[in-house]
Protein backbone atom coordinates (compact mmCIF):
# COMPACT_ATOMS: atom_id res chain seq x y z
CA MET A 1 11.47 -22.93 10.52
CA ALA A 2 9.70 -22.49 7.37
CA PRO A 3 7.07 -25.57 6.25
CA ASN A 4 8.06 -27.67 3.34
CA ARG A 5 7.01 -26.42 -0.20
CA PRO A 6 4.43 -28.43 -1.67
CA THR A 7 5.68 -30.85 -4.64
CA ILE A 8 3.98 -31.98 -7.71
CA ARG A 9 3.14 -35.27 -6.06
CA ASP A 10 1.62 -33.49 -3.30
CA VAL A 11 -0.41 -31.35 -6.46
CA ALA A 12 -1.09 -34.86 -7.81
CA ARG A 13 -2.59 -36.27 -4.79
CA GLN A 14 -4.95 -33.23 -3.70
CA ALA A 15 -6.26 -33.29 -7.32
CA GLY A 16 -6.70 -37.22 -7.68
CA VAL A 17 -5.04 -37.23 -10.61
CA SER A 18 -1.06 -38.58 -11.63
CA HIS A 19 1.81 -36.34 -11.06
CA GLN A 20 2.21 -36.66 -15.00
CA THR A 21 -0.84 -35.08 -15.19
CA VAL A 22 0.00 -32.47 -13.36
CA SER A 23 3.16 -32.35 -15.26
CA ARG A 24 1.48 -32.23 -18.64
CA VAL A 25 -1.18 -29.48 -17.54
CA ILE A 26 2.12 -27.04 -16.11
CA ASN A 27 3.65 -27.37 -19.54
CA GLY A 28 0.49 -26.49 -21.14
CA SER A 29 -0.13 -30.22 -23.01
CA GLU A 30 -3.02 -30.48 -25.50
CA GLU A 31 -3.46 -33.93 -24.32
CA VAL A 32 -5.58 -33.41 -21.04
CA LEU A 33 -9.15 -33.12 -20.81
CA PRO A 34 -10.46 -29.28 -19.69
CA GLU A 35 -12.29 -30.78 -16.57
CA THR A 36 -9.18 -32.31 -15.70
CA ARG A 37 -6.97 -29.42 -16.11
CA ALA A 38 -9.34 -27.23 -14.27
CA VAL A 39 -9.16 -29.65 -10.92
CA VAL A 40 -5.47 -29.44 -11.70
CA GLU A 41 -5.31 -25.88 -12.09
CA ALA A 42 -7.49 -25.49 -8.87
CA ALA A 43 -4.97 -27.73 -6.76
CA ILE A 44 -2.08 -25.97 -7.80
CA GLU A 45 -4.02 -22.38 -6.53
CA GLN A 46 -5.36 -24.01 -3.15
CA LEU A 47 -1.40 -25.82 -2.20
CA GLY A 48 0.45 -22.21 -3.42
CA TYR A 49 2.56 -24.63 -5.67
CA ARG A 50 5.26 -23.24 -7.98
CA PRO A 51 6.36 -25.52 -10.57
CA SER A 52 10.52 -25.54 -10.93
CA ALA A 53 11.80 -23.63 -13.32
CA ILE A 54 14.29 -26.39 -14.36
CA ALA A 55 11.90 -29.01 -14.68
CA ARG A 56 10.02 -27.31 -16.77
CA SER A 57 12.85 -26.24 -18.85
CA MET A 58 14.29 -29.55 -19.16
CA ALA A 59 10.81 -31.05 -20.20
CA ARG A 60 10.54 -28.33 -23.17
CA GLY A 61 14.04 -28.75 -24.46
CA SER A 62 14.66 -25.49 -22.67
CA THR A 63 16.92 -24.05 -19.94
CA HIS A 64 15.58 -20.48 -20.00
CA THR A 65 18.85 -19.31 -19.52
CA LEU A 66 21.36 -17.12 -21.62
CA ALA A 67 25.12 -17.01 -21.72
CA ILE A 68 27.14 -12.99 -21.97
CA ILE A 69 30.81 -13.84 -21.68
CA SER A 70 33.04 -10.57 -21.80
CA PRO A 71 36.97 -9.51 -21.41
CA ASN A 72 36.35 -8.83 -17.59
CA LEU A 73 33.06 -8.17 -15.56
CA THR A 74 34.74 -4.49 -13.81
CA ASP A 75 34.64 -2.51 -16.43
CA TYR A 76 31.68 0.22 -16.77
CA THR A 77 30.97 0.10 -20.13
CA PHE A 78 30.76 -4.04 -20.07
CA ALA A 79 28.61 -4.49 -16.73
CA SER A 80 26.30 -1.40 -17.84
CA VAL A 81 25.26 -3.75 -21.02
CA ILE A 82 25.32 -6.74 -18.29
CA GLU A 83 22.94 -4.49 -16.12
CA GLY A 84 20.74 -3.64 -19.35
CA ALA A 85 20.64 -6.91 -20.67
CA GLU A 86 19.40 -8.94 -17.48
CA VAL A 87 16.40 -6.40 -16.98
CA GLU A 88 15.37 -7.26 -20.94
CA ALA A 89 16.08 -10.72 -20.07
CA ARG A 90 13.57 -10.94 -17.01
CA GLN A 91 10.74 -9.70 -19.28
CA HIS A 92 11.00 -12.61 -21.05
CA ASN A 93 11.46 -15.05 -18.31
CA TYR A 94 15.04 -16.09 -19.22
CA PHE A 95 17.59 -16.08 -16.68
CA VAL A 96 21.19 -14.49 -16.96
CA LEU A 97 24.65 -16.10 -16.80
CA SER A 98 27.69 -13.36 -17.07
CA SER A 99 31.31 -14.61 -17.18
CA SER A 100 34.21 -13.08 -18.16
CA ALA A 101 37.26 -14.94 -20.08
CA SER A 102 40.45 -13.37 -20.35
CA ASP A 103 41.91 -14.87 -23.36
CA PRO A 104 40.73 -17.22 -26.26
CA LEU A 105 41.72 -20.02 -25.05
CA ALA A 106 39.12 -19.22 -21.97
CA PHE A 107 36.27 -18.25 -23.73
CA HIS A 108 36.72 -21.57 -25.53
CA ASP A 109 36.42 -23.54 -22.61
CA LEU A 110 34.08 -21.47 -21.28
CA VAL A 111 31.74 -21.96 -24.88
CA ASP A 112 32.52 -25.94 -24.60
CA GLU A 113 30.87 -26.26 -20.94
CA LEU A 114 28.15 -24.00 -21.78
CA VAL A 115 26.69 -24.25 -25.26
CA GLY A 116 28.40 -27.95 -25.71
CA HIS A 117 26.39 -29.06 -22.79
CA ARG A 118 23.57 -27.07 -23.79
CA ARG A 119 23.10 -25.59 -20.55
CA VAL A 120 22.01 -21.89 -22.24
CA ASP A 121 20.21 -21.65 -25.04
CA GLY A 122 21.80 -18.19 -26.54
CA LEU A 123 24.99 -16.53 -26.15
CA ILE A 124 25.93 -12.58 -26.32
CA VAL A 125 29.75 -11.82 -26.78
CA ILE A 126 31.08 -8.92 -25.60
CA ASN A 127 34.14 -7.77 -28.02
CA PRO A 128 34.51 -10.95 -29.87
CA TYR A 129 37.42 -9.72 -32.00
CA ALA A 130 39.26 -8.36 -28.96
CA ASP A 131 41.39 -11.29 -29.68
CA ASP A 132 40.62 -14.78 -31.73
CA ARG A 133 37.51 -15.15 -29.50
CA TYR A 134 35.27 -15.10 -32.04
CA MET A 135 36.77 -18.08 -33.85
CA HIS A 136 35.49 -20.63 -30.92
CA ILE A 137 31.84 -20.01 -31.23
CA PRO A 138 29.74 -22.84 -32.86
CA LYS A 139 27.97 -22.71 -36.06
CA GLU A 140 24.13 -22.46 -36.15
CA PHE A 141 24.17 -21.53 -31.99
CA PRO A 142 21.80 -18.31 -31.49
CA VAL A 143 24.66 -15.65 -30.85
CA VAL A 144 24.51 -11.88 -30.84
CA PHE A 145 28.46 -9.73 -31.07
CA VAL A 146 28.33 -6.47 -28.49
CA GLY A 147 30.70 -3.53 -29.08
CA ALA A 148 31.89 -4.52 -32.41
CA ARG A 149 31.34 -4.48 -36.66
CA SER A 150 30.55 -8.05 -37.68
CA HIS A 151 33.65 -9.35 -39.46
CA ASP A 152 30.91 -12.14 -40.40
CA GLU A 153 28.11 -12.18 -42.38
CA LEU A 154 26.08 -14.81 -40.58
CA VAL A 155 26.25 -12.39 -37.73
CA CYS A 156 24.20 -10.03 -35.65
CA SER A 157 26.18 -7.42 -34.45
CA ILE A 158 24.90 -4.14 -32.18
CA SER A 159 27.35 -1.29 -31.33
CA LEU A 160 27.90 2.15 -30.37
CA ASP A 161 28.57 3.82 -33.48
CA ASP A 162 31.99 4.61 -33.04
CA GLU A 163 32.84 6.26 -36.21
CA LYS A 164 30.05 8.66 -35.98
CA VAL A 165 31.51 9.32 -31.90
CA ALA A 166 34.54 10.16 -32.50
CA TYR A 167 33.73 12.42 -35.41
CA GLU A 168 31.36 14.35 -33.25
CA ALA A 169 33.86 14.51 -30.21
CA THR A 170 36.68 15.77 -32.62
CA GLN A 171 34.07 18.50 -34.37
CA HIS A 172 33.41 19.73 -30.74
CA LEU A 173 37.07 20.40 -30.61
CA ILE A 174 37.73 21.64 -33.74
CA SER A 175 34.59 24.29 -33.00
CA LEU A 176 36.16 25.62 -30.32
CA GLY A 177 39.22 26.10 -33.11
CA HIS A 178 41.80 24.05 -31.92
CA LYS A 179 44.12 22.50 -34.90
CA ARG A 180 47.04 20.44 -32.50
CA ILE A 181 44.52 17.93 -31.28
CA GLY A 182 45.65 14.73 -29.54
CA LEU A 183 44.12 10.94 -29.53
CA ILE A 184 44.39 8.12 -27.31
CA THR A 185 42.95 5.54 -28.78
CA GLY A 186 42.74 2.25 -27.04
CA PRO A 187 43.71 -1.14 -27.94
CA MET A 188 44.17 -0.70 -32.02
CA GLU A 189 43.54 -4.52 -32.23
CA GLU A 190 39.81 -3.83 -31.36
CA ASP A 191 37.24 -2.97 -33.79
CA CYS A 192 35.84 0.01 -31.80
CA SER A 193 39.71 2.19 -31.79
CA GLN A 194 39.91 0.95 -35.01
CA ASP A 195 36.83 3.32 -35.92
CA ARG A 196 37.15 6.13 -34.14
CA LEU A 197 40.62 6.99 -35.50
CA VAL A 198 38.59 6.24 -38.46
CA GLY A 199 35.75 8.99 -37.20
CA PHE A 200 38.76 11.62 -36.11
CA LYS A 201 40.51 11.19 -38.83
CA LEU A 202 37.46 12.22 -40.95
CA ALA A 203 36.85 15.53 -38.72
CA LEU A 204 40.45 16.84 -39.41
CA SER A 205 40.18 16.12 -43.12
CA GLU A 206 36.98 17.98 -43.51
CA ALA A 207 38.23 20.68 -41.41
CA GLY A 208 41.44 21.18 -43.64
CA ILE A 209 43.87 19.74 -40.82
CA SER A 210 46.29 17.15 -41.35
CA TYR A 211 46.23 14.22 -39.36
CA ASP A 212 49.34 14.07 -37.05
CA ALA A 213 50.84 9.99 -35.85
CA SER A 214 52.91 11.97 -33.39
CA LEU A 215 49.55 13.63 -31.53
CA VAL A 216 48.23 9.79 -31.16
CA PHE A 217 49.18 7.62 -28.77
CA GLU A 218 48.14 4.11 -27.90
CA GLY A 219 46.39 3.07 -24.44
CA ASP A 220 44.69 0.88 -22.92
CA TRP A 221 41.38 2.27 -21.24
CA SER A 222 43.04 2.47 -18.38
CA ALA A 223 43.84 5.97 -16.75
CA SER A 224 47.06 5.62 -15.80
CA SER A 225 47.34 5.01 -20.13
CA GLY A 226 46.05 8.38 -19.91
CA SER A 227 48.69 9.42 -17.86
CA ASP A 228 51.47 7.83 -19.49
CA ALA A 229 50.05 9.46 -23.36
CA LEU A 230 50.45 13.27 -21.53
CA LEU A 231 53.35 12.43 -20.23
CA ASP A 232 54.70 11.30 -23.88
CA PHE A 233 53.39 14.21 -25.13
CA VAL A 234 55.40 16.49 -23.05
CA ASN A 235 58.34 14.70 -22.47
CA LYS A 236 59.01 14.90 -26.51
CA LYS A 237 57.65 18.52 -26.39
CA ASN A 238 54.87 18.02 -28.77
CA LEU A 239 51.81 19.25 -26.67
CA PRO A 240 48.38 19.56 -28.33
CA THR A 241 45.82 21.87 -27.12
CA ALA A 242 43.19 19.69 -26.38
CA ILE A 243 43.33 15.75 -26.31
CA PHE A 244 40.18 13.37 -27.77
CA ALA A 245 40.47 10.54 -25.09
CA GLN A 246 38.61 7.17 -26.78
CA ASN A 247 37.08 6.59 -22.96
CA ASP A 248 36.23 8.75 -19.70
CA ARG A 249 38.91 6.51 -17.71
CA MET A 250 41.98 7.09 -20.19
CA ALA A 251 40.26 11.24 -19.96
CA MET A 252 40.69 10.76 -16.59
CA GLY A 253 44.26 10.01 -16.34
CA ILE A 254 45.28 12.58 -18.58
CA MET A 255 43.31 15.12 -16.06
CA ARG A 256 45.53 13.89 -13.45
CA ALA A 257 48.73 14.16 -15.15
CA ALA A 258 47.83 17.44 -15.85
CA ARG A 259 47.31 18.51 -12.95
CA ASP A 260 50.79 16.97 -11.76
CA LEU A 261 52.20 19.28 -14.38
CA LYS A 262 50.88 21.95 -13.65
CA LEU A 263 48.73 21.96 -16.34
CA ASP A 264 45.29 23.91 -16.42
CA VAL A 265 42.65 21.68 -17.83
CA PRO A 266 40.73 23.32 -19.88
CA THR A 267 42.42 26.66 -20.45
CA GLN A 268 46.19 25.00 -21.45
CA LEU A 269 44.97 21.51 -22.14
CA SER A 270 40.99 20.78 -23.38
CA VAL A 271 39.88 17.15 -22.78
CA ILE A 272 37.07 15.01 -24.05
CA GLY A 273 36.06 11.66 -23.78
CA VAL A 274 33.60 8.63 -24.54
CA ASP A 275 30.71 7.14 -22.05
CA ASP A 276 29.70 9.56 -19.33
CA MET A 277 30.90 7.28 -16.30
CA PRO A 278 28.74 7.92 -13.65
CA LEU A 279 31.77 10.01 -11.80
CA SER A 280 32.41 12.33 -14.80
CA SER A 281 30.30 15.23 -13.75
CA TYR A 282 32.43 15.40 -10.40
CA PHE A 283 36.03 15.17 -12.19
CA ASP A 284 37.58 18.38 -11.74
CA PRO A 285 36.68 19.98 -14.07
CA PRO A 286 33.56 18.42 -15.25
CA LEU A 287 34.17 16.74 -18.24
CA THR A 288 32.85 17.09 -21.22
CA THR A 289 32.25 12.98 -22.70
CA MET A 290 30.27 11.11 -25.02
CA ARG A 291 27.17 9.80 -24.01
CA GLN A 292 26.92 6.21 -24.61
CA ASP A 293 23.72 3.95 -23.39
CA MET A 294 24.89 1.06 -23.04
CA PRO A 295 22.15 -0.30 -21.09
CA LEU A 296 20.25 0.25 -23.99
CA ILE A 297 22.55 -1.92 -25.90
CA GLY A 298 22.12 -4.69 -23.87
CA GLN A 299 18.43 -4.67 -24.12
CA GLU A 300 18.79 -4.79 -27.95
CA ALA A 301 21.06 -7.55 -27.66
CA ILE A 302 18.48 -9.93 -25.54
CA ARG A 303 15.60 -8.72 -27.98
CA LYS A 304 17.85 -9.24 -31.16
CA LEU A 305 18.98 -12.61 -29.34
CA MET A 306 15.24 -13.80 -28.54
CA GLU A 307 14.13 -13.45 -32.01
CA ILE A 308 16.91 -15.50 -33.11
CA ILE A 309 15.94 -18.04 -30.23
CA GLN A 310 12.18 -18.27 -31.68
CA ASN A 311 12.33 -17.98 -34.88
CA LYS A 312 14.49 -20.79 -35.47
CA THR A 313 17.12 -19.03 -37.50
CA ILE A 314 19.31 -16.09 -37.61
CA GLU A 315 18.77 -12.79 -40.02
CA PRO A 316 22.54 -11.32 -40.06
CA SER A 317 21.93 -7.37 -38.62
CA VAL A 318 24.15 -4.70 -37.84
CA MET A 319 22.68 -2.33 -35.47
CA LYS A 320 24.50 1.11 -34.49
CA PHE A 321 23.17 3.24 -31.91
CA PRO A 322 24.56 7.04 -31.28
CA ALA A 323 26.04 8.88 -28.97
CA GLN A 324 24.78 12.57 -26.90
CA LEU A 325 27.63 15.64 -26.51
CA VAL A 326 27.56 16.13 -23.07
CA VAL A 327 29.39 19.91 -22.78
CA ARG A 328 30.89 20.22 -19.63
CA GLN A 329 33.88 22.40 -18.11
CA SER A 330 37.19 20.35 -19.31
CA THR A 331 36.42 21.83 -23.08
CA VAL A 332 36.90 25.83 -24.04
CA LYS A 333 38.05 27.77 -27.20
CA GLY A 334 41.51 27.40 -27.82
CA GLY A 335 43.78 26.86 -30.63
CA GLY A 336 47.32 26.18 -32.07
């Protein structure tokens, strides 16, 4: 059985002072004489005492804990943001509490539990405008939005430059000679889906290609919605020569449905996605996609949140990150 860890009272006995004095030393109080501080620090070193992070946080009026709330914890992009955020938070000696809320009511209850009871010092909200959850965020509390443009002049937001990402993905297909280009969007109530539609339209317009709404299908980010989209195009005898899927999972669904329909990708149908999921290069054929650095977005969200917490003021800002085109074998020259 492991020996009991030394306590603050053990340190006090070793140093010959009160436990209150030891507490002042641990918390950096200037009320302790230098010689007393030296004796206490020596006792801490000798005993191998490790102060309780929770106790220190309570003494300083801070929990040293941040919360990240996302619609779910299984989505690849959400998980990647959280991973990057946790790495950065540790650099600042902060813990990260990750949780999910599937709807505005669940989000409200979670925020009330975390913020209302001051269990966290700051909050990162992923996809705040996917529904009405943004309405339940307390005013004047350190918050950073991730994955959406800001609809509030008093909010800091960090996201992918979704309009530019879609513009560059569509340009890639146009550069290969494609003119009948389909688009599979995410849920259109989400900012990124709307912005990617804008970028798609802009690329078409600049190339002199008319926007055709019949070649646009609203998906839900799932692979199955990609399959549904391709089946819809085929059933309506409205098959494009290339499809831009707004994420890799929907692109994967398109490619699976194409294989079932005996449509060859890429000779009969070019496909491009967004994300560069870890398995994208192992698809059959390997998927051309727009690589986004989600861990970096998570890191920047923590840095911005720390800035707000430390400065005790919110300077509204909008930060957008580019994506990198990764060309693989799912796109080739075509036309029509």
